[in-house]
Amino acid sequence: MMFIRTPISIGRNVANCHPPKSLSKVMQIIRDLKTKQKESESMWFKKGNQFIHVTYKALFDERDEYIGILEYVQDIQPFFELPQKFKRDATKQ
């Protein structure tokens, strides 16, 4: 895992889960998702030898009430190392 999260992280204030330098950006993303200005938000950045891809998705209950954010973090560096034939036209049949 790129960023250690444990079951006790669920329900914690987002300010306790992100470094101070990224917190204002994360809070803006959450506001946009919570108010449905966006359905999801994705970004990537380089950390050491890794390329990190992060996706945020708002979660709403059956009454369409906001219940939280799903944050998905993935090291995408291995995708850059795939042979060229696997990179090309992946969606074509």
PDB file of N, CA and C in Angstrom:
ATOM      1  N   MET A   1       0.835  -1.185   0.000  1.00  0.00           N
ATOM      2  CA  MET A   1       0.000   0.000   0.000  1.00  0.00           C
ATOM      3  C   MET A   1       0.876   1.243   0.000  1.00  0.00           C
ATOM      4  N   MET A   2       0.457   2.224  -0.764  1.00  0.00           N
ATOM      5  CA  MET A   2       1.208   3.473  -0.829  1.00  0.00           C
ATOM      6  C   MET A   2       1.014   4.318   0.428  1.00  0.00           C
ATOM      7  N   PHE A   3      -0.217   4.386   0.867  1.00  0.00           N
ATOM      8  CA  PHE A   3      -0.547   5.152   2.064  1.00  0.00           C
ATOM      9  C   PHE A   3      -1.236   4.198   3.026  1.00  0.00           C
ATOM     10  N   ILE A   4      -0.640   4.000   4.168  1.00  0.00           N
ATOM     11  CA  ILE A   4      -1.167   3.021   5.114  1.00  0.00           C
ATOM     12  C   ILE A   4      -2.518   3.481   5.648  1.00  0.00           C
ATOM     13  N   ARG A   5      -3.522   2.636   5.484  1.00  0.00           N
ATOM     14  CA  ARG A   5      -4.852   2.864   6.037  1.00  0.00           C
ATOM     15  C   ARG A   5      -5.238   1.581   6.766  1.00  0.00           C
ATOM     16  N   THR A   6      -5.825   1.736   7.907  1.00  0.00           N
ATOM     17  CA  THR A   6      -6.288   0.585   8.679  1.00  0.00           C
ATOM     18  C   THR A   6      -7.793   0.729   8.868  1.00  0.00           C
ATOM     19  N   PRO A   7      -8.459  -0.303   9.339  1.00  0.00           N
ATOM     20  CA  PRO A   7      -9.910  -0.187   9.560  1.00  0.00           C
ATOM     21  C   PRO A   7     -10.294   0.987  10.473  1.00  0.00           C
ATOM     22  N   ILE A   8      -9.407   1.385  11.371  1.00  0.00           N
ATOM     23  CA  ILE A   8      -9.752   2.516  12.239  1.00  0.00           C
ATOM     24  C   ILE A   8      -9.723   3.841  11.483  1.00  0.00           C
ATOM     25  N   SER A   9      -9.204   3.846  10.254  1.00  0.00           N
ATOM     26  CA  SER A   9      -9.207   5.060   9.437  1.00  0.00           C
ATOM     27  C   SER A   9     -10.612   5.413   8.954  1.00  0.00           C
ATOM     28  N   ILE A  10     -11.473   4.409   8.827  1.00  0.00           N
ATOM     29  CA  ILE A  10     -12.835   4.646   8.349  1.00  0.00           C
ATOM     30  C   ILE A  10     -13.569   5.511   9.352  1.00  0.00           C
ATOM     31  N   GLY A  11     -14.136   6.584   8.866  1.00  0.00           N
ATOM     32  CA  GLY A  11     -14.881   7.498   9.725  1.00  0.00           C
ATOM     33  C   GLY A  11     -14.043   8.599  10.343  1.00  0.00           C
ATOM     34  N   ARG A  12     -12.725   8.524  10.185  1.00  0.00           N
ATOM     35  CA  ARG A  12     -11.865   9.577  10.728  1.00  0.00           C
ATOM     36  C   ARG A  12     -12.018  10.852   9.925  1.00  0.00           C
ATOM     37  N   ASN A  13     -11.746  11.973  10.572  1.00  0.00           N
ATOM     38  CA  ASN A  13     -11.748  13.252   9.879  1.00  0.00           C
ATOM     39  C   ASN A  13     -10.672  13.221   8.807  1.00  0.00           C
ATOM     40  N   VAL A  14     -11.017  13.722   7.625  1.00  0.00           N
ATOM     41  CA  VAL A  14     -10.086  13.685   6.495  1.00  0.00           C
ATOM     42  C   VAL A  14      -8.788  14.427   6.814  1.00  0.00           C
ATOM     43  N   ALA A  15      -8.847  15.421   7.670  1.00  0.00           N
ATOM     44  CA  ALA A  15      -7.645  16.179   8.038  1.00  0.00           C
ATOM     45  C   ALA A  15      -6.625  15.293   8.740  1.00  0.00           C
ATOM     46  N   ASN A  16      -7.062  14.215   9.342  1.00  0.00           N
ATOM     47  CA  ASN A  16      -6.158  13.299  10.032  1.00  0.00           C
ATOM     48  C   ASN A  16      -5.617  12.200   9.118  1.00  0.00           C
ATOM     49  N   CYS A  17      -6.015  12.223   7.848  1.00  0.00           N
ATOM     50  CA  CYS A  17      -5.611  11.172   6.908  1.00  0.00           C
ATOM     51  C   CYS A  17      -4.729  11.672   5.777  1.00  0.00           C
ATOM     52  N   HIS A  18      -4.529  12.996   5.681  1.00  0.00           N
ATOM     53  CA  HIS A  18      -3.758  13.561   4.580  1.00  0.00           C
ATOM     54  C   HIS A  18      -2.722  14.532   5.111  1.00  0.00           C
ATOM     55  N   PRO A  19      -1.586  14.649   4.420  1.00  0.00           N
ATOM     56  CA  PRO A  19      -0.560  15.599   4.860  1.00  0.00           C
ATOM     57  C   PRO A  19      -1.055  17.037   4.699  1.00  0.00           C
ATOM     58  N   PRO A  20      -0.592  17.924   5.566  1.00  0.00           N
ATOM     59  CA  PRO A  20      -1.040  19.320   5.521  1.00  0.00           C
ATOM     60  C   PRO A  20      -0.882  19.980   4.146  1.00  0.00           C
ATOM     61  N   LYS A  21       0.177  19.650   3.402  1.00  0.00           N
ATOM     62  CA  LYS A  21       0.401  20.309   2.111  1.00  0.00           C
ATOM     63  C   LYS A  21      -0.664  19.966   1.071  1.00  0.00           C
ATOM     64  N   SER A  22      -1.346  18.848   1.211  1.00  0.00           N
ATOM     65  CA  SER A  22      -2.378  18.476   0.242  1.00  0.00           C
ATOM     66  C   SER A  22      -3.792  18.679   0.772  1.00  0.00           C
ATOM     67  N   LEU A  23      -3.929  19.060   2.006  1.00  0.00           N
ATOM     68  CA  LEU A  23      -5.243  19.104   2.637  1.00  0.00           C
ATOM     69  C   LEU A  23      -6.206  20.089   1.984  1.00  0.00           C
ATOM     70  N   SER A  24      -5.758  21.280   1.600  1.00  0.00           N
ATOM     71  CA  SER A  24      -6.689  22.236   0.996  1.00  0.00           C
ATOM     72  C   SER A  24      -7.236  21.713  -0.330  1.00  0.00           C
ATOM     73  N   LYS A  25      -6.397  21.054  -1.129  1.00  0.00           N
ATOM     74  CA  LYS A  25      -6.852  20.464  -2.396  1.00  0.00           C
ATOM     75  C   LYS A  25      -7.853  19.340  -2.131  1.00  0.00           C
ATOM     76  N   VAL A  26      -7.564  18.494  -1.150  1.00  0.00           N
ATOM     77  CA  VAL A  26      -8.463  17.389  -0.813  1.00  0.00           C
ATOM     78  C   VAL A  26      -9.806  17.924  -0.328  1.00  0.00           C
ATOM     79  N   MET A  27      -9.790  18.967   0.500  1.00  0.00           N
ATOM     80  CA  MET A  27     -11.036  19.532   1.019  1.00  0.00           C
ATOM     81  C   MET A  27     -11.877  20.134  -0.107  1.00  0.00           C
ATOM     82  N   GLN A  28     -11.248  20.767  -1.101  1.00  0.00           N
ATOM     83  CA  GLN A  28     -11.995  21.302  -2.245  1.00  0.00           C
ATOM     84  C   GLN A  28     -12.621  20.177  -3.050  1.00  0.00           C
ATOM     85  N   ILE A  29     -11.880  19.107  -3.244  1.00  0.00           N
ATOM     86  CA  ILE A  29     -12.420  17.942  -3.961  1.00  0.00           C
ATOM     87  C   ILE A  29     -13.637  17.402  -3.223  1.00  0.00           C
ATOM     88  N   ILE A  30     -13.534  17.275  -1.913  1.00  0.00           N
ATOM     89  CA  ILE A  30     -14.651  16.757  -1.122  1.00  0.00           C
ATOM     90  C   ILE A  30     -15.869  17.673  -1.242  1.00  0.00           C
ATOM     91  N   ARG A  31     -15.661  18.976  -1.167  1.00  0.00           N
ATOM     92  CA  ARG A  31     -16.785  19.919  -1.327  1.00  0.00           C
ATOM     93  C   ARG A  31     -17.460  19.743  -2.687  1.00  0.00           C
ATOM     94  N   ASP A  32     -16.649  19.630  -3.738  1.00  0.00           N
ATOM     95  CA  ASP A  32     -17.203  19.460  -5.081  1.00  0.00           C
ATOM     96  C   ASP A  32     -17.993  18.166  -5.219  1.00  0.00           C
ATOM     97  N   LEU A  33     -17.496  17.098  -4.611  1.00  0.00           N
ATOM     98  CA  LEU A  33     -18.181  15.809  -4.688  1.00  0.00           C
ATOM     99  C   LEU A  33     -19.447  15.797  -3.829  1.00  0.00           C
ATOM    100  N   LYS A  34     -19.338  16.331  -2.643  1.00  0.00           N
ATOM    101  CA  LYS A  34     -20.468  16.345  -1.700  1.00  0.00           C
ATOM    102  C   LYS A  34     -21.632  17.160  -2.254  1.00  0.00           C
ATOM    103  N   THR A  35     -21.340  18.263  -2.946  1.00  0.00           N
ATOM    104  CA  THR A  35     -22.384  19.120  -3.514  1.00  0.00           C
ATOM    105  C   THR A  35     -22.755  18.712  -4.936  1.00  0.00           C
ATOM    106  N   LYS A  36     -22.194  17.621  -5.406  1.00  0.00           N
ATOM    107  CA  LYS A  36     -22.460  17.047  -6.735  1.00  0.00           C
ATOM    108  C   LYS A  36     -22.031  17.956  -7.877  1.00  0.00           C
ATOM    109  N   GLN A  37     -21.087  18.834  -7.616  1.00  0.00           N
ATOM    110  CA  GLN A  37     -20.514  19.611  -8.712  1.00  0.00           C
ATOM    111  C   GLN A  37     -19.682  18.701  -9.613  1.00  0.00           C
ATOM    112  N   LYS A  38     -19.174  17.626  -9.027  1.00  0.00           N
ATOM    113  CA  LYS A  38     -18.439  16.597  -9.774  1.00  0.00           C
ATOM    114  C   LYS A  38     -18.905  15.237  -9.281  1.00  0.00           C
ATOM    115  N   GLU A  39     -18.815  14.232 -10.167  1.00  0.00           N
ATOM    116  CA  GLU A  39     -19.161  12.863  -9.780  1.00  0.00           C
ATOM    117  C   GLU A  39     -17.961  12.132  -9.206  1.00  0.00           C
ATOM    118  N   SER A  40     -16.775  12.454  -9.714  1.00  0.00           N
ATOM    119  CA  SER A  40     -15.539  11.864  -9.222  1.00  0.00           C
ATOM    120  C   SER A  40     -14.393  12.801  -9.579  1.00  0.00           C
ATOM    121  N   GLU A  41     -13.263  12.540  -8.990  1.00  0.00           N
ATOM    122  CA  GLU A  41     -12.068  13.333  -9.278  1.00  0.00           C
ATOM    123  C   GLU A  41     -10.878  12.389  -9.264  1.00  0.00           C
ATOM    124  N   SER A  42     -10.029  12.512 -10.269  1.00  0.00           N
ATOM    125  CA  SER A  42      -8.827  11.689 -10.354  1.00  0.00           C
ATOM    126  C   SER A  42      -7.621  12.572 -10.576  1.00  0.00           C
ATOM    127  N   MET A  43      -6.496  12.132 -10.064  1.00  0.00           N
ATOM    128  CA  MET A  43      -5.239  12.850 -10.268  1.00  0.00           C
ATOM    129  C   MET A  43      -4.100  11.861 -10.150  1.00  0.00           C
ATOM    130  N   TRP A  44      -2.933  12.281 -10.570  1.00  0.00           N
ATOM    131  CA  TRP A  44      -1.747  11.452 -10.378  1.00  0.00           C
ATOM    132  C   TRP A  44      -0.579  12.357 -10.024  1.00  0.00           C
ATOM    133  N   PHE A  45       0.403  11.744  -9.373  1.00  0.00           N
ATOM    134  CA  PHE A  45       1.631  12.454  -9.031  1.00  0.00           C
ATOM    135  C   PHE A  45       2.746  11.438  -8.874  1.00  0.00           C
ATOM    136  N   LYS A  46       3.957  11.925  -8.929  1.00  0.00           N
ATOM    137  CA  LYS A  46       5.134  11.063  -8.782  1.00  0.00           C
ATOM    138  C   LYS A  46       5.612  11.119  -7.338  1.00  0.00           C
ATOM    139  N   LYS A  47       5.867   9.962  -6.762  1.00  0.00           N
ATOM    140  CA  LYS A  47       6.392   9.851  -5.402  1.00  0.00           C
ATOM    141  C   LYS A  47       7.559   8.867  -5.459  1.00  0.00           C
ATOM    142  N   GLY A  48       8.779   9.399  -5.384  1.00  0.00           N
ATOM    143  CA  GLY A  48       9.953   8.539  -5.535  1.00  0.00           C
ATOM    144  C   GLY A  48       9.959   7.929  -6.919  1.00  0.00           C
ATOM    145  N   ASN A  49      10.010   6.611  -6.997  1.00  0.00           N
ATOM    146  CA  ASN A  49       9.988   5.899  -8.278  1.00  0.00           C
ATOM    147  C   ASN A  49       8.591   5.441  -8.670  1.00  0.00           C
ATOM    148  N   GLN A  50       7.583   5.873  -7.946  1.00  0.00           N
ATOM    149  CA  GLN A  50       6.220   5.447  -8.215  1.00  0.00           C
ATOM    150  C   GLN A  50       5.422   6.589  -8.844  1.00  0.00           C
ATOM    151  N   PHE A  51       4.494   6.217  -9.729  1.00  0.00           N
ATOM    152  CA  PHE A  51       3.478   7.139 -10.199  1.00  0.00           C
ATOM    153  C   PHE A  51       2.199   6.734  -9.472  1.00  0.00           C
ATOM    154  N   ILE A  52       1.665   7.642  -8.686  1.00  0.00           N
ATOM    155  CA  ILE A  52       0.498   7.357  -7.867  1.00  0.00           C
ATOM    156  C   ILE A  52      -0.735   7.959  -8.535  1.00  0.00           C
ATOM    157  N   HIS A  53      -1.761   7.147  -8.719  1.00  0.00           N
ATOM    158  CA  HIS A  53      -3.043   7.601  -9.266  1.00  0.00           C
ATOM    159  C   HIS A  53      -4.071   7.525  -8.145  1.00  0.00           C
ATOM    160  N   VAL A  54      -4.781   8.640  -7.907  1.00  0.00           N
ATOM    161  CA  VAL A  54      -5.767   8.712  -6.833  1.00  0.00           C
ATOM    162  C   VAL A  54      -7.114   9.079  -7.437  1.00  0.00           C
ATOM    163  N   THR A  55      -8.148   8.356  -7.041  1.00  0.00           N
ATOM    164  CA  THR A  55      -9.513   8.657  -7.455  1.00  0.00           C
ATOM    165  C   THR A  55     -10.366   8.836  -6.215  1.00  0.00           C
ATOM    166  N   TYR A  56     -11.179   9.885  -6.219  1.00  0.00           N
ATOM    167  CA  TYR A  56     -12.140  10.145  -5.142  1.00  0.00           C
ATOM    168  C   TYR A  56     -13.541  10.021  -5.733  1.00  0.00           C
ATOM    169  N   LYS A  57     -14.433   9.389  -4.996  1.00  0.00           N
ATOM    170  CA  LYS A  57     -15.818   9.208  -5.430  1.00  0.00           C
ATOM    171  C   LYS A  57     -16.723   9.437  -4.230  1.00  0.00           C
ATOM    172  N   ALA A  58     -17.744  10.291  -4.394  1.00  0.00           N
ATOM    173  CA  ALA A  58     -18.699  10.537  -3.315  1.00  0.00           C
ATOM    174  C   ALA A  58     -19.656   9.356  -3.198  1.00  0.00           C
ATOM    175  N   LEU A  59     -20.053   9.059  -1.990  1.00  0.00           N
ATOM    176  CA  LEU A  59     -21.013   7.988  -1.741  1.00  0.00           C
ATOM    177  C   LEU A  59     -22.299   8.599  -1.192  1.00  0.00           C
ATOM    178  N   PHE A  60     -23.436   8.174  -1.737  1.00  0.00           N
ATOM    179  CA  PHE A  60     -24.745   8.652  -1.320  1.00  0.00           C
ATOM    180  C   PHE A  60     -25.625   7.453  -0.994  1.00  0.00           C
ATOM    181  N   ASP A  61     -26.497   7.608  -0.009  1.00  0.00           N
ATOM    182  CA  ASP A  61     -27.378   6.498   0.353  1.00  0.00           C
ATOM    183  C   ASP A  61     -28.595   6.457  -0.568  1.00  0.00           C
ATOM    184  N   GLU A  62     -29.524   5.547  -0.278  1.00  0.00           N
ATOM    185  CA  GLU A  62     -30.700   5.366  -1.133  1.00  0.00           C
ATOM    186  C   GLU A  62     -31.614   6.592  -1.156  1.00  0.00           C
ATOM    187  N   ARG A  63     -31.489   7.500  -0.197  1.00  0.00           N
ATOM    188  CA  ARG A  63     -32.263   8.752  -0.180  1.00  0.00           C
ATOM    189  C   ARG A  63     -31.464   9.892  -0.804  1.00  0.00           C
ATOM    190  N   ASP A  64     -30.348   9.544  -1.422  1.00  0.00           N
ATOM    191  CA  ASP A  64     -29.458  10.501  -2.071  1.00  0.00           C
ATOM    192  C   ASP A  64     -28.809  11.466  -1.082  1.00  0.00           C
ATOM    193  N   GLU A  65     -28.620  11.000   0.146  1.00  0.00           N
ATOM    194  CA  GLU A  65     -27.932  11.797   1.151  1.00  0.00           C
ATOM    195  C   GLU A  65     -26.465  11.382   1.196  1.00  0.00           C
ATOM    196  N   TYR A  66     -25.607  12.371   1.279  1.00  0.00           N
ATOM    197  CA  TYR A  66     -24.164  12.154   1.305  1.00  0.00           C
ATOM    198  C   TYR A  66     -23.774  11.339   2.538  1.00  0.00           C
ATOM    199  N   ILE A  67     -22.956  10.298   2.327  1.00  0.00           N
ATOM    200  CA  ILE A  67     -22.495   9.493   3.463  1.00  0.00           C
ATOM    201  C   ILE A  67     -20.972   9.409   3.568  1.00  0.00           C
ATOM    202  N   GLY A  68     -20.253   9.882   2.542  1.00  0.00           N
ATOM    203  CA  GLY A  68     -18.797   9.859   2.643  1.00  0.00           C
ATOM    204  C   GLY A  68     -18.116   9.830   1.297  1.00  0.00           C
ATOM    205  N   ILE A  69     -16.810   9.610   1.362  1.00  0.00           N
ATOM    206  CA  ILE A  69     -15.962   9.591   0.164  1.00  0.00           C
ATOM    207  C   ILE A  69     -15.189   8.280   0.111  1.00  0.00           C
ATOM    208  N   LEU A  70     -15.115   7.707  -1.074  1.00  0.00           N
ATOM    209  CA  LEU A  70     -14.256   6.559  -1.319  1.00  0.00           C
ATOM    210  C   LEU A  70     -12.998   7.090  -1.984  1.00  0.00           C
ATOM    211  N   GLU A  71     -11.851   6.803  -1.418  1.00  0.00           N
ATOM    212  CA  GLU A  71     -10.574   7.207  -1.999  1.00  0.00           C
ATOM    213  C   GLU A  71      -9.849   5.946  -2.449  1.00  0.00           C
ATOM    214  N   TYR A  72      -9.509   5.886  -3.732  1.00  0.00           N
ATOM    215  CA  TYR A  72      -8.826   4.733  -4.291  1.00  0.00           C
ATOM    216  C   TYR A  72      -7.442   5.173  -4.743  1.00  0.00           C
ATOM    217  N   VAL A  73      -6.406   4.544  -4.200  1.00  0.00           N
ATOM    218  CA  VAL A  73      -5.019   4.918  -4.485  1.00  0.00           C
ATOM    219  C   VAL A  73      -4.326   3.727  -5.154  1.00  0.00           C
ATOM    220  N   GLN A  74      -3.628   3.999  -6.251  1.00  0.00           N
ATOM    221  CA  GLN A  74      -2.992   2.919  -7.013  1.00  0.00           C
ATOM    222  C   GLN A  74      -1.637   3.366  -7.537  1.00  0.00           C
ATOM    223  N   ASP A  75      -0.645   2.490  -7.431  1.00  0.00           N
ATOM    224  CA  ASP A  75       0.664   2.720  -8.062  1.00  0.00           C
ATOM    225  C   ASP A  75       0.531   2.313  -9.521  1.00  0.00           C
ATOM    226  N   ILE A  76       0.617   3.277 -10.436  1.00  0.00           N
ATOM    227  CA  ILE A  76       0.452   2.968 -11.859  1.00  0.00           C
ATOM    228  C   ILE A  76       1.780   2.792 -12.588  1.00  0.00           C
ATOM    229  N   GLN A  77       2.890   2.855 -11.878  1.00  0.00           N
ATOM    230  CA  GLN A  77       4.201   2.663 -12.505  1.00  0.00           C
ATOM    231  C   GLN A  77       4.276   1.363 -13.311  1.00  0.00           C
ATOM    232  N   PRO A  78       3.744   0.234 -12.812  1.00  0.00           N
ATOM    233  CA  PRO A  78       3.831  -1.004 -13.607  1.00  0.00           C
ATOM    234  C   PRO A  78       3.177  -0.894 -14.984  1.00  0.00           C
ATOM    235  N   PHE A  79       2.180  -0.023 -15.147  1.00  0.00           N
ATOM    236  CA  PHE A  79       1.549   0.132 -16.455  1.00  0.00           C
ATOM    237  C   PHE A  79       2.504   0.752 -17.473  1.00  0.00           C
ATOM    238  N   PHE A  80       3.398   1.619 -17.005  1.00  0.00           N
ATOM    239  CA  PHE A  80       4.377   2.220 -17.906  1.00  0.00           C
ATOM    240  C   PHE A  80       5.394   1.193 -18.391  1.00  0.00           C
ATOM    241  N   GLU A  81       5.531   0.102 -17.673  1.00  0.00           N
ATOM    242  CA  GLU A  81       6.515  -0.921 -18.000  1.00  0.00           C
ATOM    243  C   GLU A  81       5.949  -2.041 -18.859  1.00  0.00           C
ATOM    244  N   LEU A  82       4.666  -1.965 -19.225  1.00  0.00           N
ATOM    245  CA  LEU A  82       4.067  -2.983 -20.078  1.00  0.00           C
ATOM    246  C   LEU A  82       4.660  -2.904 -21.476  1.00  0.00           C
ATOM    247  N   PRO A  83       4.763  -4.039 -22.157  1.00  0.00           N
ATOM    248  CA  PRO A  83       5.216  -3.996 -23.556  1.00  0.00           C
ATOM    249  C   PRO A  83       4.267  -3.138 -24.386  1.00  0.00           C
ATOM    250  N   GLN A  84       4.789  -2.485 -25.409  1.00  0.00           N
ATOM    251  CA  GLN A  84       4.009  -1.564 -26.228  1.00  0.00           C
ATOM    252  C   GLN A  84       2.728  -2.194 -26.771  1.00  0.00           C
ATOM    253  N   LYS A  85       2.773  -3.470 -27.139  1.00  0.00           N
ATOM    254  CA  LYS A  85       1.590  -4.094 -27.739  1.00  0.00           C
ATOM    255  C   LYS A  85       0.408  -4.132 -26.771  1.00  0.00           C
ATOM    256  N   PHE A  86       0.655  -4.101 -25.455  1.00  0.00           N
ATOM    257  CA  PHE A  86      -0.430  -4.107 -24.490  1.00  0.00           C
ATOM    258  C   PHE A  86      -0.982  -2.710 -24.232  1.00  0.00           C
ATOM    259  N   LYS A  87      -0.202  -1.697 -24.527  1.00  0.00           N
ATOM    260  CA  LYS A  87      -0.634  -0.320 -24.304  1.00  0.00           C
ATOM    261  C   LYS A  87      -1.562   0.180 -25.390  1.00  0.00           C
ATOM    262  N   ARG A  88      -1.382  -0.325 -26.566  1.00  0.00           N
ATOM    263  CA  ARG A  88      -2.062   0.200 -27.751  1.00  0.00           C
ATOM    264  C   ARG A  88      -3.453  -0.397 -27.909  1.00  0.00           C
ATOM    265  N   ASP A  89      -4.419   0.459 -28.212  1.00  0.00           N
ATOM    266  CA  ASP A  89      -5.765   0.025 -28.598  1.00  0.00           C
ATOM    267  C   ASP A  89      -6.389  -0.979 -27.632  1.00  0.00           C
ATOM    268  N   ALA A  90      -6.244  -0.733 -26.363  1.00  0.00           N
ATOM    269  CA  ALA A  90      -6.760  -1.658 -25.363  1.00  0.00           C
ATOM    270  C   ALA A  90      -8.277  -1.772 -25.404  1.00  0.00           C
ATOM    271  N   THR A  91      -8.977  -0.742 -25.885  1.00  0.00           N
ATOM    272  CA  THR A  91     -10.440  -0.792 -25.899  1.00  0.00           C
ATOM    273  C   THR A  91     -11.007  -1.370 -27.177  1.00  0.00           C
ATOM    274  N   LYS A  92     -10.200  -1.516 -28.215  1.00  0.00           N
ATOM    275  CA  LYS A  92     -10.693  -2.080 -29.476  1.00  0.00           C
ATOM    276  C   LYS A  92     -10.780  -3.600 -29.388  1.00  0.00           C
ATOM    277  N   GLN A  93     -11.771  -4.154 -30.032  1.00  0.00           N
ATOM    278  CA  GLN A  93     -11.962  -5.602 -30.041  1.00  0.00           C
ATOM    279  C   GLN A  93     -11.294  -6.225 -31.248  1.00  0.00           C
TER     280      GLN A  93
END
